[in-house]
Amino acid sequence: MVQLLPGVRYDMPVGFGPSIYSETTHVPNAVLISTSFDSTPSALEPILPSHLQLGEVPTIYVNRISYDSVDYLHGRGYEEFIVAINARYRRGGEDISAPYVCAIWVNQVAALTSGREWMGQAKLYADIPPVEDHGDRIGFEAFEYDTCFLRGEVRNLKKLSDDQVAKIAEIQTPYSFGWKYMAGPQGTVDIDYATLLKMDWNYQNAWVGEGESEFLVAPRAQLPVSLGIVETIAKLPVVKRRPAFVGKGPAVIYRSEARRLP
């Protein structure tokens, strides 16, 4: 019989030793490419879990992130797309504003498992090729079974001064919300609560410019897993596009500080 040690973290399949994931991961160099736009409250609110409220400004973010090296992959990295909505948590005397990450695609299964089982991140798998850097613009894509469902670019980038980068670091929240939901047998629900997650960025260089991301709807046979997400985001009304942002530098993922919100 498997003996689980108290206070030790395990992941499925349980019974073959403790989790491979460290409580804190230091990424030597991460690259964030962020596009965003304001939509309407009526369009975004149906995506939010009941644990959260829509933030003061109804902004949705589509971020592409490269992690050059993570400890549990022994120096290997991975690519990630994040879709997040400005949200707010107000309960039990707490009032927290942060992005709610409603969907994530990664190109490494190990990164997927960690987020889903531990942190309440809605991670799916996708093929994410390297960015296309054309000097005056940067393009990026994501694929499911050879079908491109997400395409975007940033352009006319202007490098920020050290003082400007420092100001961004001061006002940028390190927190984000997740939603840990797991269905149980026979129509029951085993887990259903919001999570608060922490990740620090230490930008060494940053740029702002123009840019947007586009979700591409395809037949269900071509996007069997992601179609529902793609259709929902593709039809969101665009009220105002926000400036694009690119940041490069070390990052720290604090898995040990992930917590359940009551």
Protein backbone atom coordinates (compact mmCIF):
# COMPACT_ATOMS: atom_id res chain seq x y z
CA MET A 1 0.00 0.00 0.00
CA VAL A 2 1.28 3.47 -0.90
CA GLN A 3 2.32 5.48 2.14
CA LEU A 4 1.94 9.25 1.64
CA LEU A 5 4.06 11.36 3.96
CA PRO A 6 2.33 14.25 5.76
CA GLY A 7 3.25 17.68 4.35
CA VAL A 8 4.81 16.23 1.18
CA ARG A 9 3.30 17.18 -2.17
CA TYR A 10 2.39 14.44 -4.66
CA ASP A 11 1.05 14.58 -8.21
CA MET A 12 -0.82 12.03 -10.29
CA PRO A 13 0.13 9.30 -10.85
CA VAL A 14 0.50 9.04 -7.10
CA GLY A 15 2.64 6.25 -5.72
CA PHE A 16 5.90 6.83 -7.53
CA GLY A 17 7.45 9.47 -5.31
CA PRO A 18 6.98 13.14 -4.42
CA SER A 19 6.18 15.90 -6.90
CA ILE A 20 8.93 16.99 -9.31
CA TYR A 21 7.89 20.63 -8.98
CA SER A 22 9.82 23.03 -6.79
CA GLU A 23 7.96 25.48 -4.58
CA THR A 24 9.77 28.38 -6.27
CA THR A 25 11.11 28.52 -9.82
CA HIS A 26 13.66 31.15 -10.88
CA VAL A 27 13.58 31.75 -14.64
CA PRO A 28 16.88 33.34 -15.81
CA ASN A 29 15.27 35.01 -18.81
CA ALA A 30 11.59 35.31 -19.67
CA VAL A 31 10.03 37.27 -22.52
CA LEU A 32 6.52 38.72 -22.27
CA ILE A 33 4.66 39.97 -25.35
CA SER A 34 1.38 41.53 -24.23
CA THR A 35 -1.57 42.69 -26.30
CA SER A 36 -4.84 43.87 -24.79
CA PHE A 37 -8.11 45.62 -25.45
CA ASP A 38 -11.09 46.94 -23.54
CA SER A 39 -14.36 45.12 -24.11
CA THR A 40 -17.80 45.51 -22.53
CA PRO A 41 -18.78 44.33 -19.04
CA SER A 42 -21.72 42.38 -20.43
CA ALA A 43 -19.36 40.39 -22.70
CA LEU A 44 -16.69 39.64 -20.08
CA GLU A 45 -18.78 38.95 -16.98
CA PRO A 46 -20.10 35.56 -18.23
CA ILE A 47 -16.49 34.30 -18.40
CA LEU A 48 -15.74 35.10 -14.76
CA PRO A 49 -16.31 32.53 -11.99
CA SER A 50 -18.83 33.45 -9.32
CA HIS A 51 -15.96 33.89 -6.84
CA LEU A 52 -14.75 37.06 -8.63
CA GLN A 53 -16.09 40.36 -9.92
CA LEU A 54 -15.12 42.23 -13.06
CA GLY A 55 -12.37 44.79 -12.51
CA GLU A 56 -12.91 48.52 -12.73
CA VAL A 57 -11.72 48.59 -16.36
CA PRO A 58 -13.05 45.72 -18.57
CA THR A 59 -9.71 44.83 -20.16
CA ILE A 60 -8.76 41.45 -21.63
CA TYR A 61 -5.12 40.48 -22.16
CA VAL A 62 -3.59 38.04 -24.62
CA ASN A 63 0.02 37.44 -23.54
CA ARG A 64 2.69 35.28 -25.11
CA ILE A 65 5.48 34.25 -22.70
CA SER A 66 8.77 32.41 -23.30
CA TYR A 67 10.55 30.78 -20.37
CA ASP A 68 14.11 29.96 -21.40
CA SER A 69 14.84 27.53 -18.56
CA VAL A 70 12.91 25.98 -15.67
CA ASP A 71 14.30 23.80 -12.90
CA TYR A 72 11.95 20.83 -13.11
CA LEU A 73 12.74 20.47 -16.86
CA HIS A 74 16.48 20.58 -16.07
CA GLY A 75 17.28 23.62 -18.19
CA ARG A 76 14.59 23.18 -20.82
CA GLY A 77 12.09 25.95 -21.40
CA TYR A 78 8.56 26.27 -22.72
CA GLU A 79 6.21 28.67 -24.48
CA GLU A 80 2.87 29.90 -23.18
CA PHE A 81 -0.19 31.92 -24.18
CA ILE A 82 -2.32 33.47 -21.45
CA VAL A 83 -5.79 34.99 -21.74
CA ALA A 84 -6.69 37.10 -18.70
CA ILE A 85 -9.40 39.55 -17.64
CA ASN A 86 -9.16 42.38 -15.12
CA ALA A 87 -10.91 41.08 -12.01
CA ARG A 88 -11.50 41.80 -8.35
CA TYR A 89 -11.97 39.67 -5.25
CA ARG A 90 -13.87 41.16 -2.31
CA ARG A 91 -14.74 38.84 0.53
CA GLY A 92 -13.89 38.29 4.18
CA GLY A 93 -12.27 41.70 4.57
CA GLU A 94 -9.99 41.24 1.54
CA ASP A 95 -10.09 43.48 -1.53
CA ILE A 96 -7.69 42.31 -4.28
CA SER A 97 -7.46 43.51 -7.88
CA ALA A 98 -5.58 41.30 -10.34
CA PRO A 99 -6.01 39.62 -13.73
CA TYR A 100 -8.11 36.46 -13.77
CA VAL A 101 -6.39 33.94 -16.06
CA CYS A 102 -9.27 32.23 -17.82
CA ALA A 103 -7.30 30.16 -20.37
CA ILE A 104 -3.68 29.13 -20.93
CA TRP A 105 -1.98 27.14 -23.66
CA VAL A 106 1.51 25.67 -23.14
CA ASN A 107 3.74 23.50 -25.31
CA GLN A 108 5.12 21.29 -22.51
CA VAL A 109 2.99 18.73 -20.69
CA ALA A 110 4.94 19.14 -17.43
CA ALA A 111 4.12 22.86 -17.34
CA LEU A 112 0.49 22.01 -18.01
CA THR A 113 0.24 19.51 -15.16
CA SER A 114 1.74 21.81 -12.56
CA GLY A 115 -0.66 24.63 -13.30
CA ARG A 116 -3.82 22.54 -13.43
CA GLU A 117 -3.25 20.30 -10.41
CA TRP A 118 -1.57 22.72 -8.03
CA MET A 119 -2.44 26.30 -8.88
CA GLY A 120 -5.88 26.28 -10.46
CA GLN A 121 -4.70 27.40 -13.89
CA ALA A 122 -6.81 26.37 -16.88
CA LYS A 123 -3.94 25.01 -18.97
CA LEU A 124 -4.29 23.25 -22.31
CA TYR A 125 -1.74 21.99 -24.81
CA ALA A 126 -0.84 23.75 -28.07
CA ASP A 127 1.97 23.86 -30.59
CA ILE A 128 3.61 27.28 -30.14
CA PRO A 129 6.36 28.01 -32.66
CA PRO A 130 9.13 30.57 -32.01
CA VAL A 131 8.22 34.20 -32.55
CA GLU A 132 8.96 35.74 -35.92
CA ASP A 133 11.17 38.76 -35.33
CA HIS A 134 11.20 40.96 -38.43
CA GLY A 135 12.92 43.89 -36.78
CA ASP A 136 10.07 46.36 -37.18
CA ARG A 137 7.47 43.85 -35.99
CA ILE A 138 7.19 40.60 -34.01
CA GLY A 139 4.69 37.94 -35.04
CA PHE A 140 3.44 34.92 -33.11
CA GLU A 141 1.01 32.00 -33.54
CA ALA A 142 -0.47 28.97 -31.78
CA PHE A 143 -1.76 25.73 -33.32
CA GLU A 144 -3.96 22.80 -32.36
CA TYR A 145 -3.56 19.74 -34.60
CA ASP A 146 -1.91 21.86 -37.32
CA THR A 147 -4.72 24.43 -37.28
CA CYS A 148 -3.75 27.99 -36.35
CA PHE A 149 -6.24 29.32 -33.79
CA LEU A 150 -4.31 32.35 -32.51
CA ARG A 151 -2.24 34.85 -34.42
CA GLY A 152 -0.89 38.26 -33.50
CA GLU A 153 1.86 40.80 -33.85
CA VAL A 154 3.38 43.84 -32.18
CA ARG A 155 5.03 46.66 -34.14
CA ASN A 156 6.45 50.19 -33.92
CA LEU A 157 8.10 49.28 -30.64
CA LYS A 158 9.90 52.02 -28.72
CA LYS A 159 12.36 51.11 -26.01
CA LEU A 160 11.62 52.46 -22.55
CA SER A 161 14.18 54.17 -20.36
CA ASP A 162 15.39 52.55 -17.14
CA ASP A 163 13.25 55.00 -15.15
CA GLN A 164 10.16 54.09 -17.16
CA VAL A 165 10.82 50.37 -16.70
CA ALA A 166 11.23 50.90 -12.95
CA LYS A 167 7.88 52.72 -12.75
CA ILE A 168 6.13 49.86 -14.54
CA ALA A 169 7.64 47.39 -12.10
CA GLU A 170 6.37 49.49 -9.17
CA ILE A 171 2.73 49.54 -10.29
CA GLN A 172 2.46 46.07 -11.84
CA THR A 173 0.80 43.57 -9.54
CA PRO A 174 2.63 40.25 -9.07
CA TYR A 175 -0.68 38.50 -8.47
CA SER A 176 -3.22 36.77 -10.66
CA PHE A 177 -6.38 34.79 -10.02
CA GLY A 178 -7.05 31.21 -11.00
CA TRP A 179 -10.11 29.00 -10.68
CA LYS A 180 -9.56 25.46 -9.45
CA TYR A 181 -12.50 23.42 -10.64
CA MET A 182 -12.60 19.64 -10.87
CA ALA A 183 -15.70 17.64 -11.68
CA GLY A 184 -16.51 14.54 -9.66
CA PRO A 185 -18.28 11.31 -10.59
CA GLN A 186 -22.01 11.17 -11.34
CA GLY A 187 -22.44 14.89 -11.87
CA THR A 188 -20.82 16.01 -8.63
CA VAL A 189 -18.15 18.68 -8.18
CA ASP A 190 -15.04 17.74 -6.18
CA ILE A 191 -13.27 21.14 -6.15
CA ASP A 192 -14.56 24.66 -6.84
CA TYR A 193 -12.70 27.70 -5.52
CA ALA A 194 -10.66 30.69 -6.66
CA THR A 195 -6.89 30.81 -6.18
CA LEU A 196 -4.44 33.66 -5.76
CA LEU A 197 -1.11 33.15 -7.53
CA LYS A 198 2.16 35.07 -7.48
CA MET A 199 4.86 35.67 -10.10
CA ASP A 200 7.49 38.41 -10.07
CA TRP A 201 9.01 40.00 -13.18
CA ASN A 202 12.31 41.88 -13.11
CA TYR A 203 12.34 43.58 -16.48
CA GLN A 204 15.80 44.48 -17.69
CA ASN A 205 14.50 45.85 -20.99
CA ALA A 206 11.01 46.84 -22.11
CA TRP A 207 9.26 48.34 -25.13
CA VAL A 208 5.80 49.73 -25.94
CA GLY A 209 4.12 49.92 -29.31
CA GLU A 210 1.07 48.83 -31.24
CA GLY A 211 -0.29 45.34 -31.64
CA GLU A 212 -3.18 42.94 -31.46
CA SER A 213 -4.02 39.25 -31.25
CA GLU A 214 -6.66 37.47 -33.31
CA PHE A 215 -8.48 34.24 -32.50
CA LEU A 216 -9.33 32.21 -35.60
CA VAL A 217 -12.46 30.07 -35.56
CA ALA A 218 -12.32 26.74 -37.38
CA PRO A 219 -14.56 23.64 -37.62
CA ARG A 220 -14.79 21.45 -34.51
CA ALA A 221 -12.91 18.65 -36.30
CA GLN A 222 -9.89 20.97 -36.62
CA LEU A 223 -10.08 22.47 -33.09
CA PRO A 224 -11.61 19.68 -31.01
CA VAL A 225 -10.30 20.98 -27.68
CA SER A 226 -10.02 24.77 -27.96
CA LEU A 227 -12.96 25.70 -30.17
CA GLY A 228 -15.25 26.84 -27.36
CA ILE A 229 -12.60 29.20 -25.99
CA VAL A 230 -11.65 30.49 -29.43
CA GLU A 231 -15.26 31.19 -30.43
CA THR A 232 -15.98 33.04 -27.19
CA ILE A 233 -12.93 35.31 -27.35
CA ALA A 234 -13.20 35.90 -31.12
CA LYS A 235 -16.65 37.45 -30.77
CA LEU A 236 -15.79 39.79 -27.88
CA PRO A 237 -16.45 43.41 -28.88
CA VAL A 238 -13.31 45.56 -29.10
CA VAL A 239 -14.10 48.94 -27.55
CA LYS A 240 -10.52 50.21 -27.34
CA ARG A 241 -7.11 48.70 -28.10
CA ARG A 242 -4.41 49.19 -25.49
CA PRO A 243 -0.71 49.71 -26.28
CA ALA A 244 1.33 46.56 -26.79
CA PHE A 245 4.11 45.78 -24.33
CA VAL A 246 7.26 43.67 -24.54
CA GLY A 247 9.36 42.93 -21.46
CA LYS A 248 12.49 40.83 -21.04
CA GLY A 249 14.28 39.74 -17.88
CA PRO A 250 14.35 37.26 -14.99
CA ALA A 251 11.13 36.03 -13.43
CA VAL A 252 10.20 34.09 -10.31
CA ILE A 253 7.19 31.75 -10.01
CA TYR A 254 6.11 31.33 -6.37
CA ARG A 255 4.16 28.08 -6.33
CA SER A 256 4.43 27.86 -2.55
CA GLU A 257 2.48 31.11 -2.20
CA ALA A 258 -0.52 29.94 -4.20
CA ARG A 259 -3.51 29.96 -1.90
CA ARG A 260 -7.18 29.19 -1.84
CA LEU A 261 -9.48 32.20 -1.60
CA PRO A 262 -12.38 31.60 0.82
